[in-house]
Amino acid sequence: MADTSRVTLPAPAPMVSQVTMLRVAIILTVLAVWEFLSRSGWLYRDVVPSLLAIGRALIDLLTHGDYYFNLAVTAGEVGAALAIGGSLGLIVGIALGANRFLSKAFESYLYYLGPTPKIIFFPIMIMWFGVGPGSKIALGTLSCFFPVALSAAAGMRQIDKTLIKVGRSFRATTMQMVFKIYLPAMRHPIINGVRLGLGVALIGTLLAETKLSNKGIGFLIIQAYSIFDMPRMYAMLIILFILSIGANSLVGHFGGLDNIKRS
């Protein structure tokens, strides 16, 4: 006789699809509210332009080579700032995390200076590096340095002591310890620091371009704002937002963080 006591329950809907639906709903709601504000007339003209106007500005922007030139300028400055600031932050972070004396003597300065708005140092950067790309790269480097250094220092303290003892027992040199033990064990904290560093380096560079520059995305944004071309300004912000998300996701994927299952 067949066993009818067992009831097959339908499988629950995957949580991923629910999350995706919620994200899509949020985006559609934001777009609907934006279009409503645009058509309501409650705000000054073109402060909130229609989605159609932004779309036209977006197409016009992407069909002109001048935008890509300025995008390349900003990307080069941010890339250089990330490379310099990230490398210096990694070196300092490893040194502080490996040496308790250095950590107690200097790490507190990083915590104090880290949250400080770096734009206040821009006049100094102009005096040191001039009004060209050097001052923008310097400000981005300064912004990027702190999150990478603090993340690397914290990652050093999380390394399993057994790994360090094994490396020393094999008489590994300092460089071998760094590349064979420290960096692989610190991958996730370092990638987190690079993600944060990329964001603040981008902010610092764009702010510097809006203050004193004749090229770059920051210059184009402040130029569109000065002539009250709001659709063009929003179009550039949208592209910049999408590119930032893509770069952040690429860094996370490179470090394998997107494959980690969170409980």
C-alpha atoms as a PDB file:
ATOM      1  CA  MET A   1       0.000   0.000   0.000  1.00  0.00           C
ATOM      2  CA  ALA A   2       1.394   3.383  -0.928  1.00  0.00           C
ATOM      3  CA  ASP A   3       2.504   5.653   1.856  1.00  0.00           C
ATOM      4  CA  THR A   4       0.238   8.694   1.708  1.00  0.00           C
ATOM      5  CA  SER A   5       1.417  10.215   4.979  1.00  0.00           C
ATOM      6  CA  ARG A   6       4.237  12.086   3.310  1.00  0.00           C
ATOM      7  CA  VAL A   7       3.301  15.414   1.817  1.00  0.00           C
ATOM      8  CA  THR A   8       5.620  17.051  -0.661  1.00  0.00           C
ATOM      9  CA  LEU A   9       5.828  20.733   0.081  1.00  0.00           C
ATOM     10  CA  PRO A  10       6.590  23.188  -2.698  1.00  0.00           C
ATOM     11  CA  ALA A  11      10.133  24.506  -2.657  1.00  0.00           C
ATOM     12  CA  PRO A  12      10.385  28.041  -1.301  1.00  0.00           C
ATOM     13  CA  ALA A  13      11.209  30.740  -3.786  1.00  0.00           C
ATOM     14  CA  PRO A  14      14.940  31.468  -3.883  1.00  0.00           C
ATOM     15  CA  MET A  15      15.910  34.429  -1.751  1.00  0.00           C
ATOM     16  CA  VAL A  16      18.070  35.738  -4.572  1.00  0.00           C
ATOM     17  CA  SER A  17      15.036  36.318  -6.786  1.00  0.00           C
ATOM     18  CA  GLN A  18      13.230  38.075  -3.953  1.00  0.00           C
ATOM     19  CA  VAL A  19      16.198  40.360  -3.374  1.00  0.00           C
ATOM     20  CA  THR A  20      16.396  41.100  -7.097  1.00  0.00           C
ATOM     21  CA  MET A  21      12.695  41.928  -7.238  1.00  0.00           C
ATOM     22  CA  LEU A  22      13.047  44.251  -4.256  1.00  0.00           C
ATOM     23  CA  ARG A  23      15.984  46.038  -5.854  1.00  0.00           C
ATOM     24  CA  VAL A  24      14.092  46.470  -9.123  1.00  0.00           C
ATOM     25  CA  ALA A  25      11.066  47.776  -7.212  1.00  0.00           C
ATOM     26  CA  ILE A  26      13.216  50.332  -5.388  1.00  0.00           C
ATOM     27  CA  ILE A  27      14.767  51.545  -8.655  1.00  0.00           C
ATOM     28  CA  LEU A  28      11.381  51.850 -10.358  1.00  0.00           C
ATOM     29  CA  THR A  29       9.972  53.711  -7.349  1.00  0.00           C
ATOM     30  CA  VAL A  30      12.858  56.181  -7.349  1.00  0.00           C
ATOM     31  CA  LEU A  31      12.433  56.785 -11.092  1.00  0.00           C
ATOM     32  CA  ALA A  32       8.689  57.271 -10.685  1.00  0.00           C
ATOM     33  CA  VAL A  33       9.156  59.759  -7.831  1.00  0.00           C
ATOM     34  CA  TRP A  34      11.811  61.598  -9.850  1.00  0.00           C
ATOM     35  CA  GLU A  35       9.526  61.913 -12.873  1.00  0.00           C
ATOM     36  CA  PHE A  36       6.648  63.042 -10.657  1.00  0.00           C
ATOM     37  CA  LEU A  37       8.795  65.797  -9.119  1.00  0.00           C
ATOM     38  CA  SER A  38       9.933  66.822 -12.594  1.00  0.00           C
ATOM     39  CA  ARG A  39       6.375  67.235 -13.835  1.00  0.00           C
ATOM     40  CA  SER A  40       4.904  68.659 -10.634  1.00  0.00           C
ATOM     41  CA  GLY A  41       6.441  72.114 -10.984  1.00  0.00           C
ATOM     42  CA  TRP A  42       7.108  72.259  -7.242  1.00  0.00           C
ATOM     43  CA  LEU A  43      10.819  72.879  -7.799  1.00  0.00           C
ATOM     44  CA  TYR A  44      12.619  75.487  -9.881  1.00  0.00           C
ATOM     45  CA  ARG A  45      12.760  74.682 -13.588  1.00  0.00           C
ATOM     46  CA  ASP A  46      15.294  71.984 -14.563  1.00  0.00           C
ATOM     47  CA  VAL A  47      16.453  71.404 -10.986  1.00  0.00           C
ATOM     48  CA  VAL A  48      14.872  67.973 -11.421  1.00  0.00           C
ATOM     49  CA  PRO A  49      14.816  67.454 -15.198  1.00  0.00           C
ATOM     50  CA  SER A  50      12.658  64.772 -16.751  1.00  0.00           C
ATOM     51  CA  LEU A  51      14.044  61.315 -17.387  1.00  0.00           C
ATOM     52  CA  LEU A  52      13.643  61.923 -21.113  1.00  0.00           C
ATOM     53  CA  ALA A  53      15.825  65.049 -20.930  1.00  0.00           C
ATOM     54  CA  ILE A  54      18.474  63.162 -18.961  1.00  0.00           C
ATOM     55  CA  GLY A  55      18.328  60.313 -21.469  1.00  0.00           C
ATOM     56  CA  ARG A  56      18.891  62.714 -24.366  1.00  0.00           C
ATOM     57  CA  ALA A  57      21.810  64.326 -22.522  1.00  0.00           C
ATOM     58  CA  LEU A  58      23.217  60.877 -21.828  1.00  0.00           C
ATOM     59  CA  ILE A  59      23.134  59.913 -25.504  1.00  0.00           C
ATOM     60  CA  ASP A  60      24.644  63.250 -26.513  1.00  0.00           C
ATOM     61  CA  LEU A  61      27.397  62.791 -23.932  1.00  0.00           C
ATOM     62  CA  LEU A  62      28.312  59.290 -25.069  1.00  0.00           C
ATOM     63  CA  THR A  63      28.515  60.299 -28.727  1.00  0.00           C
ATOM     64  CA  HIS A  64      31.155  62.985 -28.199  1.00  0.00           C
ATOM     65  CA  GLY A  65      34.847  62.160 -27.958  1.00  0.00           C
ATOM     66  CA  ASP A  66      35.504  65.081 -25.624  1.00  0.00           C
ATOM     67  CA  TYR A  67      33.799  63.223 -22.781  1.00  0.00           C
ATOM     68  CA  TYR A  68      35.963  60.138 -23.241  1.00  0.00           C
ATOM     69  CA  PHE A  69      39.114  62.264 -23.197  1.00  0.00           C
ATOM     70  CA  ASN A  70      38.125  63.800 -19.874  1.00  0.00           C
ATOM     71  CA  LEU A  71      37.062  60.391 -18.552  1.00  0.00           C
ATOM     72  CA  ALA A  72      40.504  59.035 -19.432  1.00  0.00           C
ATOM     73  CA  VAL A  73      42.122  61.938 -17.581  1.00  0.00           C
ATOM     74  CA  THR A  74      40.140  61.268 -14.418  1.00  0.00           C
ATOM     75  CA  ALA A  75      40.634  57.503 -14.689  1.00  0.00           C
ATOM     76  CA  GLY A  76      44.391  57.991 -15.017  1.00  0.00           C
ATOM     77  CA  GLU A  77      44.521  60.273 -11.998  1.00  0.00           C
ATOM     78  CA  VAL A  78      42.406  57.922  -9.864  1.00  0.00           C
ATOM     79  CA  GLY A  79      44.429  54.898 -11.011  1.00  0.00           C
ATOM     80  CA  ALA A  80      47.719  56.577 -10.155  1.00  0.00           C
ATOM     81  CA  ALA A  81      46.379  57.708  -6.773  1.00  0.00           C
ATOM     82  CA  LEU A  82      45.123  54.204  -6.007  1.00  0.00           C
ATOM     83  CA  ALA A  83      48.435  52.611  -7.001  1.00  0.00           C
ATOM     84  CA  ILE A  84      50.572  55.031  -4.990  1.00  0.00           C
ATOM     85  CA  GLY A  85      48.303  55.423  -1.981  1.00  0.00           C
ATOM     86  CA  GLY A  86      47.433  51.726  -1.895  1.00  0.00           C
ATOM     87  CA  SER A  87      51.065  50.631  -2.068  1.00  0.00           C
ATOM     88  CA  LEU A  88      52.154  53.044   0.650  1.00  0.00           C
ATOM     89  CA  GLY A  89      49.172  52.109   2.794  1.00  0.00           C
ATOM     90  CA  LEU A  90      49.940  48.407   2.395  1.00  0.00           C
ATOM     91  CA  ILE A  91      53.571  48.867   3.410  1.00  0.00           C
ATOM     92  CA  VAL A  92      52.689  50.999   6.420  1.00  0.00           C
ATOM     93  CA  GLY A  93      49.842  48.697   7.445  1.00  0.00           C
ATOM     94  CA  ILE A  94      52.049  45.607   7.371  1.00  0.00           C
ATOM     95  CA  ALA A  95      54.730  47.401   9.386  1.00  0.00           C
ATOM     96  CA  LEU A  96      52.246  48.574  12.020  1.00  0.00           C
ATOM     97  CA  GLY A  97      50.495  45.218  12.241  1.00  0.00           C
ATOM     98  CA  ALA A  98      53.759  43.309  12.595  1.00  0.00           C
ATOM     99  CA  ASN A  99      55.369  45.569  15.187  1.00  0.00           C
ATOM    100  CA  ARG A 100      53.496  46.291  18.412  1.00  0.00           C
ATOM    101  CA  PHE A 101      55.786  49.213  19.311  1.00  0.00           C
ATOM    102  CA  LEU A 102      55.223  50.960  15.973  1.00  0.00           C
ATOM    103  CA  SER A 103      51.501  50.288  16.243  1.00  0.00           C
ATOM    104  CA  LYS A 104      51.234  51.929  19.658  1.00  0.00           C
ATOM    105  CA  ALA A 105      53.407  54.848  18.592  1.00  0.00           C
ATOM    106  CA  PHE A 106      51.870  55.734  15.226  1.00  0.00           C
ATOM    107  CA  GLU A 107      48.577  53.965  14.530  1.00  0.00           C
ATOM    108  CA  SER A 108      46.558  56.392  16.614  1.00  0.00           C
ATOM    109  CA  TYR A 109      47.600  59.161  14.205  1.00  0.00           C
ATOM    110  CA  LEU A 110      46.046  57.216  11.348  1.00  0.00           C
ATOM    111  CA  TYR A 111      42.758  56.957  13.239  1.00  0.00           C
ATOM    112  CA  TYR A 112      42.805  60.689  13.986  1.00  0.00           C
ATOM    113  CA  LEU A 113      43.774  61.841  10.484  1.00  0.00           C
ATOM    114  CA  GLY A 114      41.783  59.218   8.559  1.00  0.00           C
ATOM    115  CA  PRO A 115      38.319  60.835   8.968  1.00  0.00           C
ATOM    116  CA  THR A 116      39.693  64.326   8.294  1.00  0.00           C
ATOM    117  CA  PRO A 117      38.347  65.788   5.009  1.00  0.00           C
ATOM    118  CA  LYS A 118      41.384  65.649   2.723  1.00  0.00           C
ATOM    119  CA  ILE A 119      40.190  68.562   0.612  1.00  0.00           C
ATOM    120  CA  ILE A 120      41.569  70.911   3.287  1.00  0.00           C
ATOM    121  CA  PHE A 121      45.063  69.841   2.188  1.00  0.00           C
ATOM    122  CA  PHE A 122      44.435  70.778  -1.438  1.00  0.00           C
ATOM    123  CA  PRO A 123      46.078  74.249  -1.192  1.00  0.00           C
ATOM    124  CA  ILE A 124      49.199  72.521   0.096  1.00  0.00           C
ATOM    125  CA  MET A 125      49.062  70.032  -2.767  1.00  0.00           C
ATOM    126  CA  ILE A 126      48.825  72.911  -5.252  1.00  0.00           C
ATOM    127  CA  MET A 127      51.907  74.570  -3.754  1.00  0.00           C
ATOM    128  CA  TRP A 128      53.864  71.318  -3.809  1.00  0.00           C
ATOM    129  CA  PHE A 129      52.727  69.786  -7.107  1.00  0.00           C
ATOM    130  CA  GLY A 130      51.284  72.689  -9.108  1.00  0.00           C
ATOM    131  CA  VAL A 131      47.865  73.079 -10.702  1.00  0.00           C
ATOM    132  CA  GLY A 132      48.228  70.149 -13.095  1.00  0.00           C
ATOM    133  CA  PRO A 133      47.397  66.478 -12.596  1.00  0.00           C
ATOM    134  CA  GLY A 134      50.038  66.136  -9.858  1.00  0.00           C
ATOM    135  CA  SER A 135      47.956  67.931  -7.238  1.00  0.00           C
ATOM    136  CA  LYS A 136      44.858  65.840  -8.076  1.00  0.00           C
ATOM    137  CA  ILE A 137      46.842  62.595  -7.862  1.00  0.00           C
ATOM    138  CA  ALA A 138      48.402  63.744  -4.580  1.00  0.00           C
ATOM    139  CA  LEU A 139      45.012  64.462  -3.027  1.00  0.00           C
ATOM    140  CA  GLY A 140      43.658  61.116  -4.234  1.00  0.00           C
ATOM    141  CA  THR A 141      46.754  59.370  -2.868  1.00  0.00           C
ATOM    142  CA  LEU A 142      46.315  60.984   0.516  1.00  0.00           C
ATOM    143  CA  SER A 143      42.653  59.976   0.579  1.00  0.00           C
ATOM    144  CA  CYS A 144      43.398  56.388  -0.417  1.00  0.00           C
ATOM    145  CA  PHE A 145      46.304  55.834   1.966  1.00  0.00           C
ATOM    146  CA  PHE A 146      44.424  55.755   5.268  1.00  0.00           C
ATOM    147  CA  PRO A 147      41.747  53.083   4.650  1.00  0.00           C
ATOM    148  CA  VAL A 148      44.289  50.750   3.036  1.00  0.00           C
ATOM    149  CA  ALA A 149      46.818  51.219   5.853  1.00  0.00           C
ATOM    150  CA  LEU A 150      44.249  50.644   8.600  1.00  0.00           C
ATOM    151  CA  SER A 151      42.774  47.599   6.860  1.00  0.00           C
ATOM    152  CA  ALA A 152      46.223  46.088   6.293  1.00  0.00           C
ATOM    153  CA  ALA A 153      47.208  46.672   9.928  1.00  0.00           C
ATOM    154  CA  ALA A 154      44.010  44.992  11.132  1.00  0.00           C
ATOM    155  CA  GLY A 155      44.536  42.130   8.683  1.00  0.00           C
ATOM    156  CA  MET A 156      48.063  41.537   9.971  1.00  0.00           C
ATOM    157  CA  ARG A 157      46.739  40.995  13.481  1.00  0.00           C
ATOM    158  CA  GLN A 158      44.239  38.410  12.219  1.00  0.00           C
ATOM    159  CA  ILE A 159      46.868  36.149  10.638  1.00  0.00           C
ATOM    160  CA  ASP A 160      47.135  32.739  12.268  1.00  0.00           C
ATOM    161  CA  LYS A 161      50.286  32.775  14.396  1.00  0.00           C
ATOM    162  CA  THR A 162      50.998  29.214  13.306  1.00  0.00           C
ATOM    163  CA  LEU A 163      51.547  30.394   9.734  1.00  0.00           C
ATOM    164  CA  ILE A 164      54.067  32.957  10.901  1.00  0.00           C
ATOM    165  CA  LYS A 165      55.903  30.382  13.026  1.00  0.00           C
ATOM    166  CA  VAL A 166      56.060  27.981  10.078  1.00  0.00           C
ATOM    167  CA  GLY A 167      57.546  30.680   7.871  1.00  0.00           C
ATOM    168  CA  ARG A 168      60.159  31.587  10.440  1.00  0.00           C
ATOM    169  CA  SER A 169      61.007  27.937  11.062  1.00  0.00           C
ATOM    170  CA  PHE A 170      61.878  27.644   7.374  1.00  0.00           C
ATOM    171  CA  ARG A 171      64.045  30.774   7.734  1.00  0.00           C
ATOM    172  CA  ALA A 172      61.988  32.740   5.228  1.00  0.00           C
ATOM    173  CA  THR A 173      63.240  36.201   4.398  1.00  0.00           C
ATOM    174  CA  THR A 174      61.144  39.299   5.028  1.00  0.00           C
ATOM    175  CA  MET A 175      60.053  39.482   1.378  1.00  0.00           C
ATOM    176  CA  GLN A 176      59.180  35.786   1.378  1.00  0.00           C
ATOM    177  CA  MET A 177      57.113  36.244   4.532  1.00  0.00           C
ATOM    178  CA  VAL A 178      55.283  39.162   2.938  1.00  0.00           C
ATOM    179  CA  PHE A 179      54.473  37.494  -0.391  1.00  0.00           C
ATOM    180  CA  LYS A 180      54.080  33.880   0.744  1.00  0.00           C
ATOM    181  CA  ILE A 181      52.320  34.307   4.099  1.00  0.00           C
ATOM    182  CA  TYR A 182      51.193  37.843   4.925  1.00  0.00           C
ATOM    183  CA  LEU A 183      49.529  38.901   1.674  1.00  0.00           C
ATOM    184  CA  PRO A 184      47.653  35.613   0.960  1.00  0.00           C
ATOM    185  CA  ALA A 185      46.366  35.500   4.551  1.00  0.00           C
ATOM    186  CA  MET A 186      45.376  39.200   4.442  1.00  0.00           C
ATOM    187  CA  ARG A 187      43.611  39.064   1.085  1.00  0.00           C
ATOM    188  CA  HIS A 188      40.120  39.905   2.304  1.00  0.00           C
ATOM    189  CA  PRO A 189      41.091  42.830   4.591  1.00  0.00           C
ATOM    190  CA  ILE A 190      43.319  44.229   1.863  1.00  0.00           C
ATOM    191  CA  ILE A 191      40.564  44.029  -0.764  1.00  0.00           C
ATOM    192  CA  ASN A 192      38.174  45.735   1.650  1.00  0.00           C
ATOM    193  CA  GLY A 193      40.738  48.485   2.163  1.00  0.00           C
ATOM    194  CA  VAL A 194      41.261  48.851  -1.584  1.00  0.00           C
ATOM    195  CA  ARG A 195      37.505  49.128  -2.101  1.00  0.00           C
ATOM    196  CA  LEU A 196      37.301  51.925   0.441  1.00  0.00           C
ATOM    197  CA  GLY A 197      40.468  53.498  -0.922  1.00  0.00           C
ATOM    198  CA  LEU A 198      39.092  53.476  -4.456  1.00  0.00           C
ATOM    199  CA  GLY A 199      35.967  55.299  -3.328  1.00  0.00           C
ATOM    200  CA  VAL A 200      37.735  58.020  -1.381  1.00  0.00           C
ATOM    201  CA  ALA A 201      40.432  58.394  -4.058  1.00  0.00           C
ATOM    202  CA  LEU A 202      37.692  58.996  -6.617  1.00  0.00           C
ATOM    203  CA  ILE A 203      35.994  61.528  -4.343  1.00  0.00           C
ATOM    204  CA  GLY A 204      39.244  63.343  -3.613  1.00  0.00           C
ATOM    205  CA  THR A 205      40.236  63.497  -7.267  1.00  0.00           C
ATOM    206  CA  LEU A 206      36.835  64.749  -8.418  1.00  0.00           C
ATOM    207  CA  LEU A 207      36.731  67.392  -5.700  1.00  0.00           C
ATOM    208  CA  ALA A 208      40.173  68.599  -6.728  1.00  0.00           C
ATOM    209  CA  GLU A 209      39.067  68.759 -10.377  1.00  0.00           C
ATOM    210  CA  THR A 210      36.044  70.863  -9.470  1.00  0.00           C
ATOM    211  CA  LYS A 211      38.216  73.343  -7.589  1.00  0.00           C
ATOM    212  CA  LEU A 212      41.047  73.970 -10.034  1.00  0.00           C
ATOM    213  CA  SER A 213      41.212  72.189 -13.384  1.00  0.00           C
ATOM    214  CA  ASN A 214      40.435  72.557 -17.066  1.00  0.00           C
ATOM    215  CA  LYS A 215      39.943  68.867 -17.812  1.00  0.00           C
ATOM    216  CA  GLY A 216      38.562  65.767 -16.173  1.00  0.00           C
ATOM    217  CA  ILE A 217      35.074  64.608 -15.191  1.00  0.00           C
ATOM    218  CA  GLY A 218      34.995  66.885 -12.154  1.00  0.00           C
ATOM    219  CA  PHE A 219      35.684  69.863 -14.407  1.00  0.00           C
ATOM    220  CA  LEU A 220      32.875  68.855 -16.779  1.00  0.00           C
ATOM    221  CA  ILE A 221      30.417  68.417 -13.916  1.00  0.00           C
ATOM    222  CA  ILE A 222      31.132  71.813 -12.375  1.00  0.00           C
ATOM    223  CA  GLN A 223      31.055  73.384 -15.856  1.00  0.00           C
ATOM    224  CA  ALA A 224      27.591  71.949 -16.537  1.00  0.00           C
ATOM    225  CA  TYR A 225      26.450  73.183 -13.141  1.00  0.00           C
ATOM    226  CA  SER A 226      27.799  76.689 -13.749  1.00  0.00           C
ATOM    227  CA  ILE A 227      25.751  77.077 -16.940  1.00  0.00           C
ATOM    228  CA  PHE A 228      22.764  75.328 -15.309  1.00  0.00           C
ATOM    229  CA  ASP A 229      22.759  72.435 -17.776  1.00  0.00           C
ATOM    230  CA  MET A 230      21.190  70.067 -15.262  1.00  0.00           C
ATOM    231  CA  PRO A 231      20.369  67.192 -17.661  1.00  0.00           C
ATOM    232  CA  ARG A 232      24.014  67.021 -18.761  1.00  0.00           C
ATOM    233  CA  MET A 233      25.220  67.186 -15.164  1.00  0.00           C
ATOM    234  CA  TYR A 234      22.917  64.361 -14.061  1.00  0.00           C
ATOM    235  CA  ALA A 235      23.925  62.306 -17.114  1.00  0.00           C
ATOM    236  CA  MET A 236      27.586  62.557 -16.143  1.00  0.00           C
ATOM    237  CA  LEU A 237      26.780  61.650 -12.555  1.00  0.00           C
ATOM    238  CA  ILE A 238      24.860  58.571 -13.718  1.00  0.00           C
ATOM    239  CA  ILE A 239      27.758  57.369 -15.869  1.00  0.00           C
ATOM    240  CA  LEU A 240      30.202  58.037 -13.064  1.00  0.00           C
ATOM    241  CA  PHE A 241      27.992  56.127 -10.641  1.00  0.00           C
ATOM    242  CA  ILE A 242      27.772  53.121 -12.964  1.00  0.00           C
ATOM    243  CA  LEU A 243      31.526  53.104 -13.594  1.00  0.00           C
ATOM    244  CA  SER A 244      32.225  53.322  -9.859  1.00  0.00           C
ATOM    245  CA  ILE A 245      29.948  50.353  -9.166  1.00  0.00           C
ATOM    246  CA  GLY A 246      31.664  48.388 -11.918  1.00  0.00           C
ATOM    247  CA  ALA A 247      35.157  49.150 -10.630  1.00  0.00           C
ATOM    248  CA  ASN A 248      34.148  48.289  -7.071  1.00  0.00           C
ATOM    249  CA  SER A 249      32.609  44.999  -8.182  1.00  0.00           C
ATOM    250  CA  LEU A 250      35.707  44.182 -10.215  1.00  0.00           C
ATOM    251  CA  VAL A 251      37.953  44.714  -7.198  1.00  0.00           C
ATOM    252  CA  GLY A 252      35.665  42.566  -5.049  1.00  0.00           C
ATOM    253  CA  HIS A 253      35.536  39.811  -7.671  1.00  0.00           C
ATOM    254  CA  PHE A 254      39.317  39.890  -8.005  1.00  0.00           C
ATOM    255  CA  GLY A 255      39.633  39.284  -4.285  1.00  0.00           C
ATOM    256  CA  GLY A 256      36.993  36.574  -4.267  1.00  0.00           C
ATOM    257  CA  LEU A 257      34.796  38.504  -1.820  1.00  0.00           C
ATOM    258  CA  ASP A 258      31.703  38.222  -3.974  1.00  0.00           C
ATOM    259  CA  ASN A 259      31.910  34.442  -3.743  1.00  0.00           C
ATOM    260  CA  ILE A 260      31.794  34.356   0.033  1.00  0.00           C
ATOM    261  CA  LYS A 261      28.510  33.058   1.421  1.00  0.00           C
ATOM    262  CA  ARG A 262      27.286  35.201   4.252  1.00  0.00           C
ATOM    263  CA  SER A 263      25.373  33.389   6.922  1.00  0.00           C
END
